């Protein structure tokens, strides 16, 4: 319970979201705008217009879990919608950098072996 890890899929909704939305409202965005299924085990990420609030919606066995963070100072890096896609697929490491306030624009990822 209450676990997110790097083996999961992470989808970022690149448009501003009304943070008053909860489980049902965010699930509606996932179904209608992102064309995904909310209960597929993926983590769905939403940002508000001011980029100082972030919500993560995740289905675990038995129900939804909603993670919510409000920054007291600063903003989360701006993610512009690329080619008007309904979502962006990001990695666990990119999510951690996003939440920690580290800019991904100037980072260089070194080659790694993957299976």
N, C-alpha and C. Protein backbone atom coordinates (compact mmCIF):
# COMPACT_ATOMS: atom_id res chain seq x y z
N UNK A 1 0.83 -1.19 0.00
CA UNK A 1 0.00 0.00 0.00
C UNK A 1 0.88 1.25 0.00
N UNK A 2 0.43 2.28 -0.64
CA UNK A 2 1.16 3.55 -0.74
C UNK A 2 2.55 3.34 -1.32
N UNK A 3 2.61 2.72 -2.46
CA UNK A 3 3.93 2.48 -3.03
C UNK A 3 3.97 2.86 -4.50
N UNK A 4 4.96 3.64 -4.83
CA UNK A 4 5.26 3.95 -6.22
C UNK A 4 6.70 3.52 -6.45
N UNK A 5 6.98 2.96 -7.63
CA UNK A 5 8.35 2.54 -7.90
C UNK A 5 8.65 2.66 -9.39
N UNK A 6 9.88 2.39 -9.73
CA UNK A 6 10.33 2.61 -11.11
C UNK A 6 9.85 1.55 -12.10
N UNK A 7 9.15 0.53 -11.65
CA UNK A 7 8.63 -0.46 -12.59
C UNK A 7 7.24 -0.08 -13.12
N UNK A 8 6.69 1.01 -12.63
CA UNK A 8 5.36 1.46 -13.06
C UNK A 8 5.45 2.37 -14.28
N UNK A 9 4.31 2.58 -14.92
CA UNK A 9 4.22 3.52 -16.03
C UNK A 9 3.68 4.84 -15.48
N UNK A 10 4.26 5.94 -15.94
CA UNK A 10 3.88 7.27 -15.47
C UNK A 10 3.45 8.11 -16.66
N UNK A 11 2.26 8.69 -16.57
CA UNK A 11 1.72 9.51 -17.64
C UNK A 11 1.39 10.89 -17.10
N UNK A 12 1.96 11.89 -17.73
CA UNK A 12 1.75 13.28 -17.33
C UNK A 12 0.73 13.92 -18.25
N UNK A 13 -0.31 14.49 -17.66
CA UNK A 13 -1.28 15.25 -18.43
C UNK A 13 -0.69 16.65 -18.60
N UNK A 14 -0.36 17.08 -19.83
CA UNK A 14 0.45 18.30 -20.01
C UNK A 14 -0.33 19.61 -19.96
N UNK A 15 -1.61 19.56 -19.66
CA UNK A 15 -2.42 20.77 -19.63
C UNK A 15 -2.81 21.09 -18.19
N UNK A 16 -3.03 22.37 -17.85
CA UNK A 16 -3.41 22.72 -16.47
C UNK A 16 -4.70 22.02 -16.05
N UNK A 17 -4.71 21.58 -14.79
CA UNK A 17 -5.84 20.84 -14.24
C UNK A 17 -6.38 21.58 -13.02
N UNK A 18 -7.68 21.59 -12.88
CA UNK A 18 -8.34 22.17 -11.71
C UNK A 18 -8.06 21.24 -10.52
N UNK A 19 -7.33 21.72 -9.54
CA UNK A 19 -6.94 20.89 -8.40
C UNK A 19 -8.08 20.60 -7.43
N UNK A 20 -9.26 21.13 -7.70
CA UNK A 20 -10.43 20.76 -6.89
C UNK A 20 -10.94 19.39 -7.30
N UNK A 21 -10.49 18.90 -8.44
CA UNK A 21 -10.91 17.57 -8.90
C UNK A 21 -10.28 16.51 -7.99
N UNK A 22 -11.06 15.50 -7.72
CA UNK A 22 -10.58 14.40 -6.90
C UNK A 22 -10.60 13.12 -7.74
N UNK A 23 -10.85 11.99 -7.11
CA UNK A 23 -10.76 10.69 -7.78
C UNK A 23 -11.59 10.62 -9.05
N UNK A 24 -12.87 10.95 -8.94
CA UNK A 24 -13.77 10.82 -10.09
C UNK A 24 -13.47 11.83 -11.19
N UNK A 25 -13.20 13.08 -10.82
CA UNK A 25 -12.88 14.11 -11.81
C UNK A 25 -11.60 13.81 -12.57
N UNK A 26 -10.58 13.37 -11.86
CA UNK A 26 -9.31 13.02 -12.51
C UNK A 26 -9.45 11.77 -13.36
N UNK A 27 -10.25 10.81 -12.89
CA UNK A 27 -10.51 9.60 -13.69
C UNK A 27 -11.21 9.97 -14.99
N UNK A 28 -12.10 10.96 -14.93
CA UNK A 28 -12.78 11.43 -16.13
C UNK A 28 -11.82 12.01 -17.15
N UNK A 29 -10.83 12.77 -16.67
CA UNK A 29 -9.80 13.31 -17.57
C UNK A 29 -9.01 12.17 -18.21
N UNK A 30 -8.67 11.18 -17.41
CA UNK A 30 -7.89 10.04 -17.92
C UNK A 30 -8.66 9.32 -19.03
N UNK A 31 -9.95 9.10 -18.80
CA UNK A 31 -10.78 8.40 -19.79
C UNK A 31 -11.03 9.25 -21.04
N UNK A 32 -11.48 10.47 -20.84
CA UNK A 32 -11.94 11.27 -21.98
C UNK A 32 -10.82 12.00 -22.72
N UNK A 33 -9.88 12.56 -22.01
CA UNK A 33 -8.84 13.37 -22.65
C UNK A 33 -7.58 12.56 -22.98
N UNK A 34 -7.17 11.70 -22.03
CA UNK A 34 -5.93 10.95 -22.23
C UNK A 34 -6.15 9.63 -22.98
N UNK A 35 -7.42 9.22 -23.08
CA UNK A 35 -7.76 7.98 -23.77
C UNK A 35 -7.08 6.76 -23.12
N UNK A 36 -7.02 6.77 -21.80
CA UNK A 36 -6.41 5.68 -21.03
C UNK A 36 -7.45 5.11 -20.07
N UNK A 37 -7.12 4.02 -19.41
CA UNK A 37 -8.00 3.39 -18.43
C UNK A 37 -7.41 3.64 -17.04
N UNK A 38 -8.13 4.36 -16.18
CA UNK A 38 -7.58 4.73 -14.87
C UNK A 38 -7.16 3.56 -13.99
N UNK A 39 -7.80 2.40 -14.15
CA UNK A 39 -7.51 1.26 -13.29
C UNK A 39 -6.48 0.30 -13.89
N UNK A 40 -5.62 0.79 -14.78
CA UNK A 40 -4.64 -0.09 -15.40
C UNK A 40 -3.34 -0.22 -14.60
N UNK A 41 -3.27 0.41 -13.44
CA UNK A 41 -2.07 0.31 -12.60
C UNK A 41 -1.03 1.38 -12.87
N UNK A 42 -1.27 2.23 -13.86
CA UNK A 42 -0.34 3.32 -14.16
C UNK A 42 -0.56 4.46 -13.17
N UNK A 43 0.42 5.37 -13.15
CA UNK A 43 0.33 6.56 -12.32
C UNK A 43 0.08 7.74 -13.25
N UNK A 44 -0.96 8.50 -12.94
CA UNK A 44 -1.34 9.65 -13.76
C UNK A 44 -1.03 10.92 -12.99
N UNK A 45 -0.34 11.86 -13.65
CA UNK A 45 0.20 13.06 -13.00
C UNK A 45 -0.50 14.29 -13.56
N UNK A 46 -0.91 15.18 -12.65
CA UNK A 46 -1.62 16.39 -13.03
C UNK A 46 -1.00 17.60 -12.33
N UNK A 47 -0.89 18.73 -13.04
CA UNK A 47 -0.37 19.98 -12.48
C UNK A 47 -1.43 21.06 -12.62
N UNK A 48 -1.41 22.03 -11.71
CA UNK A 48 -2.33 23.17 -11.83
C UNK A 48 -1.71 24.25 -12.71
N UNK A 49 -2.49 25.29 -12.99
CA UNK A 49 -2.05 26.36 -13.89
C UNK A 49 -0.81 27.09 -13.36
N UNK A 50 -0.75 27.32 -12.04
CA UNK A 50 0.39 28.02 -11.44
C UNK A 50 1.59 27.12 -11.21
N UNK A 51 1.43 25.83 -11.47
CA UNK A 51 2.50 24.83 -11.31
C UNK A 51 3.08 24.79 -9.89
N UNK A 52 2.22 25.03 -8.90
CA UNK A 52 2.68 24.90 -7.52
C UNK A 52 1.96 23.76 -6.80
N UNK A 53 1.13 23.02 -7.54
CA UNK A 53 0.42 21.87 -6.99
C UNK A 53 0.52 20.72 -7.97
N UNK A 54 0.66 19.52 -7.43
CA UNK A 54 0.76 18.32 -8.26
C UNK A 54 -0.06 17.22 -7.60
N UNK A 55 -0.79 16.47 -8.43
CA UNK A 55 -1.55 15.31 -7.95
C UNK A 55 -1.16 14.11 -8.78
N UNK A 56 -1.05 12.97 -8.11
CA UNK A 56 -0.76 11.70 -8.76
C UNK A 56 -1.90 10.76 -8.40
N UNK A 57 -2.53 10.18 -9.41
CA UNK A 57 -3.62 9.23 -9.19
C UNK A 57 -3.14 7.86 -9.61
N UNK A 58 -3.34 6.89 -8.72
CA UNK A 58 -2.83 5.54 -8.94
C UNK A 58 -3.85 4.53 -8.43
N UNK A 59 -4.09 3.50 -9.22
CA UNK A 59 -4.97 2.42 -8.79
C UNK A 59 -4.14 1.34 -8.14
N UNK A 60 -4.47 1.01 -6.90
CA UNK A 60 -3.86 -0.12 -6.21
C UNK A 60 -4.95 -1.13 -5.94
N UNK A 61 -4.60 -2.32 -5.53
CA UNK A 61 -5.58 -3.35 -5.24
C UNK A 61 -6.64 -2.81 -4.28
N UNK A 62 -7.87 -2.77 -4.75
CA UNK A 62 -8.96 -2.35 -3.89
C UNK A 62 -9.41 -0.91 -4.04
N UNK A 63 -8.63 -0.06 -4.68
CA UNK A 63 -9.09 1.32 -4.83
C UNK A 63 -8.00 2.27 -5.30
N UNK A 64 -8.44 3.52 -5.49
CA UNK A 64 -7.53 4.58 -5.94
C UNK A 64 -6.76 5.16 -4.77
N UNK A 65 -5.54 5.60 -5.05
CA UNK A 65 -4.72 6.36 -4.11
C UNK A 65 -4.41 7.68 -4.79
N UNK A 66 -4.57 8.77 -4.05
CA UNK A 66 -4.31 10.10 -4.58
C UNK A 66 -3.19 10.75 -3.77
N UNK A 67 -2.09 11.06 -4.44
CA UNK A 67 -0.98 11.76 -3.82
C UNK A 67 -1.09 13.22 -4.21
N UNK A 68 -0.88 14.10 -3.27
CA UNK A 68 -1.08 15.53 -3.53
C UNK A 68 0.04 16.31 -2.84
N UNK A 69 0.69 17.19 -3.58
CA UNK A 69 1.74 18.02 -3.00
C UNK A 69 1.50 19.47 -3.41
N UNK A 70 1.59 20.36 -2.41
CA UNK A 70 1.48 21.80 -2.66
C UNK A 70 2.79 22.43 -2.23
N UNK A 71 3.43 23.11 -3.17
CA UNK A 71 4.70 23.77 -2.87
C UNK A 71 4.42 25.06 -2.11
N UNK A 72 5.18 25.31 -1.09
CA UNK A 72 5.05 26.56 -0.33
C UNK A 72 5.82 27.68 -1.01
N UNK A 73 6.78 27.32 -1.83
CA UNK A 73 7.59 28.31 -2.52
C UNK A 73 8.07 27.70 -3.84
N UNK A 74 8.14 28.49 -4.88
CA UNK A 74 8.64 28.02 -6.17
C UNK A 74 7.57 27.32 -6.98
N UNK A 75 7.99 26.78 -8.11
CA UNK A 75 7.07 26.11 -9.03
C UNK A 75 7.69 24.81 -9.54
N UNK A 76 6.83 24.00 -10.10
CA UNK A 76 7.26 22.78 -10.76
C UNK A 76 7.57 23.15 -12.20
N UNK A 77 8.61 22.56 -12.75
CA UNK A 77 9.05 22.91 -14.11
C UNK A 77 7.92 22.84 -15.12
N UNK A 78 7.89 23.82 -15.99
CA UNK A 78 6.86 23.89 -17.02
C UNK A 78 7.06 22.77 -18.03
N UNK A 79 5.98 22.06 -18.28
CA UNK A 79 5.99 21.01 -19.27
C UNK A 79 5.04 21.45 -20.37
N UNK A 80 5.57 21.74 -21.55
CA UNK A 80 4.69 22.19 -22.63
C UNK A 80 4.19 20.98 -23.38
N UNK A 81 2.94 21.02 -23.82
CA UNK A 81 2.39 19.90 -24.58
C UNK A 81 3.11 19.75 -25.92
N UNK A 82 3.74 18.62 -26.13
CA UNK A 82 4.46 18.37 -27.38
C UNK A 82 3.48 17.85 -28.42
N UNK A 83 3.40 18.53 -29.55
CA UNK A 83 2.57 18.10 -30.67
C UNK A 83 1.13 17.85 -30.25
N UNK A 84 0.64 18.58 -29.27
CA UNK A 84 -0.73 18.47 -28.80
C UNK A 84 -1.11 17.04 -28.42
N UNK A 85 -0.19 16.32 -27.83
CA UNK A 85 -0.47 14.96 -27.37
C UNK A 85 -1.35 15.03 -26.12
N UNK A 86 -2.18 14.02 -25.91
CA UNK A 86 -3.05 14.03 -24.73
C UNK A 86 -2.32 13.66 -23.44
N UNK A 87 -1.10 13.13 -23.55
CA UNK A 87 -0.31 12.80 -22.37
C UNK A 87 1.15 12.63 -22.77
N UNK A 88 2.01 12.72 -21.78
CA UNK A 88 3.44 12.47 -21.99
C UNK A 88 3.83 11.30 -21.11
N UNK A 89 4.52 10.35 -21.66
CA UNK A 89 5.01 9.23 -20.89
C UNK A 89 6.36 9.64 -20.29
N UNK A 90 6.47 9.57 -18.97
CA UNK A 90 7.73 9.93 -18.33
C UNK A 90 8.24 8.76 -17.48
N UNK A 91 9.49 8.82 -17.12
CA UNK A 91 10.12 7.78 -16.31
C UNK A 91 10.06 8.16 -14.84
N UNK A 92 10.27 7.17 -13.99
CA UNK A 92 10.30 7.38 -12.54
C UNK A 92 11.32 8.45 -12.17
N UNK A 93 12.50 8.38 -12.76
CA UNK A 93 13.56 9.34 -12.44
C UNK A 93 13.15 10.76 -12.83
N UNK A 94 12.44 10.90 -13.95
CA UNK A 94 11.97 12.22 -14.37
C UNK A 94 10.91 12.76 -13.42
N UNK A 95 10.05 11.88 -12.91
CA UNK A 95 9.05 12.30 -11.93
C UNK A 95 9.71 12.80 -10.65
N UNK A 96 10.72 12.09 -10.20
CA UNK A 96 11.44 12.50 -8.98
C UNK A 96 12.09 13.86 -9.19
N UNK A 97 12.75 14.06 -10.33
CA UNK A 97 13.37 15.35 -10.63
C UNK A 97 12.34 16.47 -10.69
N UNK A 98 11.20 16.18 -11.30
CA UNK A 98 10.12 17.16 -11.42
C UNK A 98 9.64 17.60 -10.04
N UNK A 99 9.39 16.64 -9.16
CA UNK A 99 8.89 16.95 -7.82
C UNK A 99 9.96 17.64 -6.98
N UNK A 100 11.21 17.28 -7.15
CA UNK A 100 12.30 17.86 -6.37
C UNK A 100 12.73 19.23 -6.87
N UNK A 101 12.22 19.64 -8.03
CA UNK A 101 12.53 20.97 -8.53
C UNK A 101 13.80 21.06 -9.34
N UNK A 102 14.27 19.95 -9.85
CA UNK A 102 15.49 19.93 -10.66
C UNK A 102 15.09 20.01 -12.12
N UNK A 103 15.65 20.98 -12.84
CA UNK A 103 15.31 21.19 -14.24
C UNK A 103 15.84 20.05 -15.10
N UNK A 104 14.99 19.53 -15.95
CA UNK A 104 15.39 18.44 -16.85
C UNK A 104 15.92 18.97 -18.18
N UNK A 105 15.78 20.27 -18.43
CA UNK A 105 16.17 20.84 -19.71
C UNK A 105 17.68 20.83 -19.92
N UNK A 106 18.45 21.02 -18.86
CA UNK A 106 19.89 21.12 -18.99
C UNK A 106 20.62 19.83 -18.60
N UNK A 107 19.87 18.80 -18.27
CA UNK A 107 20.49 17.54 -17.86
C UNK A 107 20.89 16.71 -19.06
N UNK A 108 21.95 15.96 -18.91
CA UNK A 108 22.39 15.03 -19.94
C UNK A 108 22.35 13.64 -19.34
N UNK A 109 21.62 12.74 -19.96
CA UNK A 109 21.55 11.39 -19.47
C UNK A 109 22.63 10.56 -20.15
N UNK A 110 23.43 9.90 -19.35
CA UNK A 110 24.49 9.06 -19.88
C UNK A 110 23.94 7.71 -20.31
N UNK A 111 24.63 7.07 -21.25
CA UNK A 111 24.21 5.78 -21.74
C UNK A 111 24.20 4.74 -20.62
N UNK A 112 23.18 3.90 -20.66
CA UNK A 112 23.07 2.78 -19.74
C UNK A 112 22.62 1.56 -20.52
N UNK A 113 23.05 0.43 -20.07
CA UNK A 113 22.62 -0.82 -20.67
C UNK A 113 21.22 -1.14 -20.20
N UNK A 114 20.36 -1.54 -21.10
CA UNK A 114 19.03 -2.00 -20.68
C UNK A 114 18.69 -3.26 -21.43
N UNK A 115 17.96 -4.10 -20.79
CA UNK A 115 17.62 -5.41 -21.34
C UNK A 115 16.48 -5.32 -22.30
